[in-house]
Amino acid sequence: PSSFEVTTHGGTKSCGLDALAWTIEAVQRGAGEVLLNSMDKDGTKDGFDLELIEIIRSKVSVPLIASGGAGKISDFYPAVKAGADALLAASVFHFQEIKIEDVKKELQANNVEIRSQI
């Protein structure tokens, strides 16, 4: 088991499930990809939860979408390096704090394959 738990209702209600165990079970049941949102990091703009990404990546091989915590351009590549196949960010784009094309340029500079269209 990991030290991460599955929650609902925006992180306010615990399901009593270990996040790693539940992710493994979901993949065994046929999940083709995992959207992994760290509620501890969500909205903090303090970077993605790299430990959570690494733990989940170490046990599942389906595509992993990391969410929660992006605050600056330099937050994205470490999440890919930790094992994320795709990245989700919201507020930094909604409030135009970061441009999508700048994130793509940063990822390309680190040899990360990205989609060419915005």
C-alpha atoms as a PDB file:
ATOM      1  CA  PRO A   1       0.000   0.000   0.000  1.00  0.00           C
ATOM      2  CA  SER A   2       0.934   3.625  -0.498  1.00  0.00           C
ATOM      3  CA  SER A   3       0.391   6.611   1.764  1.00  0.00           C
ATOM      4  CA  PHE A   4      -2.145   8.022  -0.721  1.00  0.00           C
ATOM      5  CA  GLU A   5      -5.893   7.523  -0.486  1.00  0.00           C
ATOM      6  CA  VAL A   6      -8.763   7.684  -2.950  1.00  0.00           C
ATOM      7  CA  THR A   7     -11.202  10.523  -2.318  1.00  0.00           C
ATOM      8  CA  THR A   8     -14.379  11.904  -3.864  1.00  0.00           C
ATOM      9  CA  HIS A   9     -16.275  15.180  -3.680  1.00  0.00           C
ATOM     10  CA  GLY A  10     -13.260  17.331  -4.474  1.00  0.00           C
ATOM     11  CA  GLY A  11     -11.093  15.502  -1.969  1.00  0.00           C
ATOM     12  CA  THR A  12     -13.448  15.996   0.973  1.00  0.00           C
ATOM     13  CA  LYS A  13     -14.655  12.399   1.350  1.00  0.00           C
ATOM     14  CA  SER A  14     -12.353   9.428   1.772  1.00  0.00           C
ATOM     15  CA  CYS A  15     -13.290   6.167   0.061  1.00  0.00           C
ATOM     16  CA  GLY A  16     -11.151   4.135   2.438  1.00  0.00           C
ATOM     17  CA  LEU A  17      -9.127   2.850  -0.504  1.00  0.00           C
ATOM     18  CA  ASP A  18      -5.397   2.993  -1.073  1.00  0.00           C
ATOM     19  CA  ALA A  19      -4.673   4.942  -4.283  1.00  0.00           C
ATOM     20  CA  LEU A  20      -2.044   2.511  -5.542  1.00  0.00           C
ATOM     21  CA  ALA A  21      -4.138  -0.592  -4.870  1.00  0.00           C
ATOM     22  CA  TRP A  22      -7.201   0.996  -6.457  1.00  0.00           C
ATOM     23  CA  THR A  23      -5.238   2.073  -9.546  1.00  0.00           C
ATOM     24  CA  ILE A  24      -3.879  -1.447 -10.001  1.00  0.00           C
ATOM     25  CA  GLU A  25      -7.397  -2.872  -9.633  1.00  0.00           C
ATOM     26  CA  ALA A  26      -8.832  -0.345 -12.092  1.00  0.00           C
ATOM     27  CA  VAL A  27      -6.234  -1.328 -14.691  1.00  0.00           C
ATOM     28  CA  GLN A  28      -6.916  -5.029 -14.063  1.00  0.00           C
ATOM     29  CA  ARG A  29     -10.617  -4.291 -14.643  1.00  0.00           C
ATOM     30  CA  GLY A  30      -9.781  -2.738 -18.002  1.00  0.00           C
ATOM     31  CA  ALA A  31      -8.957   0.935 -17.458  1.00  0.00           C
ATOM     32  CA  GLY A  32      -6.996   2.005 -20.515  1.00  0.00           C
ATOM     33  CA  GLU A  33      -5.507   5.102 -18.918  1.00  0.00           C
ATOM     34  CA  VAL A  34      -5.457   6.791 -15.527  1.00  0.00           C
ATOM     35  CA  LEU A  35      -6.204  10.421 -14.728  1.00  0.00           C
ATOM     36  CA  LEU A  36      -4.270  10.927 -11.511  1.00  0.00           C
ATOM     37  CA  ASN A  37      -5.220  14.077  -9.613  1.00  0.00           C
ATOM     38  CA  SER A  38      -3.408  14.902  -6.393  1.00  0.00           C
ATOM     39  CA  MET A  39      -5.894  16.759  -4.215  1.00  0.00           C
ATOM     40  CA  ASP A  40      -3.039  17.761  -1.908  1.00  0.00           C
ATOM     41  CA  LYS A  41      -1.411  19.614  -4.804  1.00  0.00           C
ATOM     42  CA  ASP A  42      -4.523  20.696  -6.708  1.00  0.00           C
ATOM     43  CA  GLY A  43      -4.740  24.476  -6.855  1.00  0.00           C
ATOM     44  CA  THR A  44      -1.472  25.042  -4.985  1.00  0.00           C
ATOM     45  CA  LYS A  45       0.582  25.967  -8.063  1.00  0.00           C
ATOM     46  CA  ASP A  46       3.463  24.285  -6.239  1.00  0.00           C
ATOM     47  CA  GLY A  47       4.228  21.577  -8.794  1.00  0.00           C
ATOM     48  CA  PHE A  48       2.814  18.139  -9.522  1.00  0.00           C
ATOM     49  CA  ASP A  49       2.945  15.398  -6.871  1.00  0.00           C
ATOM     50  CA  LEU A  50       6.045  13.648  -8.184  1.00  0.00           C
ATOM     51  CA  GLU A  51       6.036  10.983  -5.483  1.00  0.00           C
ATOM     52  CA  LEU A  52       2.477   9.963  -6.341  1.00  0.00           C
ATOM     53  CA  ILE A  53       3.271   9.856 -10.060  1.00  0.00           C
ATOM     54  CA  GLU A  54       6.366   7.714  -9.455  1.00  0.00           C
ATOM     55  CA  ILE A  55       4.515   5.276  -7.185  1.00  0.00           C
ATOM     56  CA  ILE A  56       1.656   4.757  -9.629  1.00  0.00           C
ATOM     57  CA  ARG A  57       3.966   4.560 -12.670  1.00  0.00           C
ATOM     58  CA  SER A  58       6.050   1.870 -10.973  1.00  0.00           C
ATOM     59  CA  LYS A  59       3.044  -0.477 -10.887  1.00  0.00           C
ATOM     60  CA  VAL A  60       0.957   0.254 -14.002  1.00  0.00           C
ATOM     61  CA  SER A  61       1.889   0.609 -17.659  1.00  0.00           C
ATOM     62  CA  VAL A  62      -1.241   2.268 -19.057  1.00  0.00           C
ATOM     63  CA  PRO A  63      -0.995   5.945 -20.018  1.00  0.00           C
ATOM     64  CA  LEU A  64      -0.899   8.163 -16.943  1.00  0.00           C
ATOM     65  CA  ILE A  65      -2.277  11.707 -16.992  1.00  0.00           C
ATOM     66  CA  ALA A  66      -0.957  13.784 -14.093  1.00  0.00           C
ATOM     67  CA  SER A  67      -3.096  16.586 -12.685  1.00  0.00           C
ATOM     68  CA  GLY A  68      -2.905  18.999  -9.793  1.00  0.00           C
ATOM     69  CA  GLY A  69      -0.254  21.517  -8.863  1.00  0.00           C
ATOM     70  CA  ALA A  70       1.073  23.156 -12.025  1.00  0.00           C
ATOM     71  CA  GLY A  71       2.109  26.716 -11.289  1.00  0.00           C
ATOM     72  CA  LYS A  72       4.998  27.519 -13.600  1.00  0.00           C
ATOM     73  CA  ILE A  73       6.512  26.263 -16.821  1.00  0.00           C
ATOM     74  CA  SER A  74       9.271  24.432 -14.972  1.00  0.00           C
ATOM     75  CA  ASP A  75       6.696  22.248 -13.146  1.00  0.00           C
ATOM     76  CA  PHE A  76       5.762  20.238 -16.230  1.00  0.00           C
ATOM     77  CA  TYR A  77       8.951  18.405 -17.242  1.00  0.00           C
ATOM     78  CA  PRO A  78       9.605  16.888 -13.787  1.00  0.00           C
ATOM     79  CA  ALA A  79       6.150  15.288 -13.949  1.00  0.00           C
ATOM     80  CA  VAL A  80       7.007  13.675 -17.275  1.00  0.00           C
ATOM     81  CA  LYS A  81      10.354  12.557 -15.887  1.00  0.00           C
ATOM     82  CA  ALA A  82       8.501  11.034 -12.899  1.00  0.00           C
ATOM     83  CA  GLY A  83       6.407   8.925 -15.276  1.00  0.00           C
ATOM     84  CA  ALA A  84       3.451  10.942 -16.560  1.00  0.00           C
ATOM     85  CA  ASP A  85       2.515  10.391 -20.199  1.00  0.00           C
ATOM     86  CA  ALA A  86       0.319  13.488 -20.318  1.00  0.00           C
ATOM     87  CA  LEU A  87      -0.246  16.527 -18.149  1.00  0.00           C
ATOM     88  CA  LEU A  88      -3.361  18.390 -17.116  1.00  0.00           C
ATOM     89  CA  ALA A  89      -3.378  21.950 -15.854  1.00  0.00           C
ATOM     90  CA  ALA A  90      -6.242  24.385 -15.535  1.00  0.00           C
ATOM     91  CA  SER A  91      -5.963  27.614 -13.578  1.00  0.00           C
ATOM     92  CA  VAL A  92      -2.583  28.630 -15.007  1.00  0.00           C
ATOM     93  CA  PHE A  93      -4.142  28.552 -18.469  1.00  0.00           C
ATOM     94  CA  HIS A  94      -7.551  29.963 -17.495  1.00  0.00           C
ATOM     95  CA  PHE A  95      -5.915  32.981 -15.893  1.00  0.00           C
ATOM     96  CA  GLN A  96      -3.317  33.221 -18.680  1.00  0.00           C
ATOM     97  CA  GLU A  97      -0.387  32.875 -16.275  1.00  0.00           C
ATOM     98  CA  ILE A  98       1.274  30.417 -18.645  1.00  0.00           C
ATOM     99  CA  LYS A  99       0.863  29.959 -22.386  1.00  0.00           C
ATOM    100  CA  ILE A 100       0.350  26.433 -23.667  1.00  0.00           C
ATOM    101  CA  GLU A 101       2.867  27.013 -26.444  1.00  0.00           C
ATOM    102  CA  ASP A 102       5.510  27.961 -23.852  1.00  0.00           C
ATOM    103  CA  VAL A 103       4.945  24.704 -21.979  1.00  0.00           C
ATOM    104  CA  LYS A 104       5.248  22.799 -25.243  1.00  0.00           C
ATOM    105  CA  LYS A 105       8.509  24.587 -26.074  1.00  0.00           C
ATOM    106  CA  GLU A 106       9.913  23.723 -22.643  1.00  0.00           C
ATOM    107  CA  LEU A 107       8.943  20.074 -23.028  1.00  0.00           C
ATOM    108  CA  GLN A 108      10.387  19.918 -26.544  1.00  0.00           C
ATOM    109  CA  ALA A 109      13.635  21.435 -25.244  1.00  0.00           C
ATOM    110  CA  ASN A 110      13.784  18.447 -22.878  1.00  0.00           C
ATOM    111  CA  ASN A 111      13.168  15.978 -25.729  1.00  0.00           C
ATOM    112  CA  VAL A 112       9.583  15.215 -24.735  1.00  0.00           C
ATOM    113  CA  GLU A 113       7.376  14.244 -27.668  1.00  0.00           C
ATOM    114  CA  ILE A 114       4.349  16.520 -27.877  1.00  0.00           C
ATOM    115  CA  ARG A 115       1.435  17.052 -30.224  1.00  0.00           C
ATOM    116  CA  SER A 116       2.252  19.674 -32.809  1.00  0.00           C
ATOM    117  CA  GLN A 117      -1.133  21.417 -32.718  1.00  0.00           C
ATOM    118  CA  ILE A 118      -2.341  23.627 -29.909  1.00  0.00           C
END
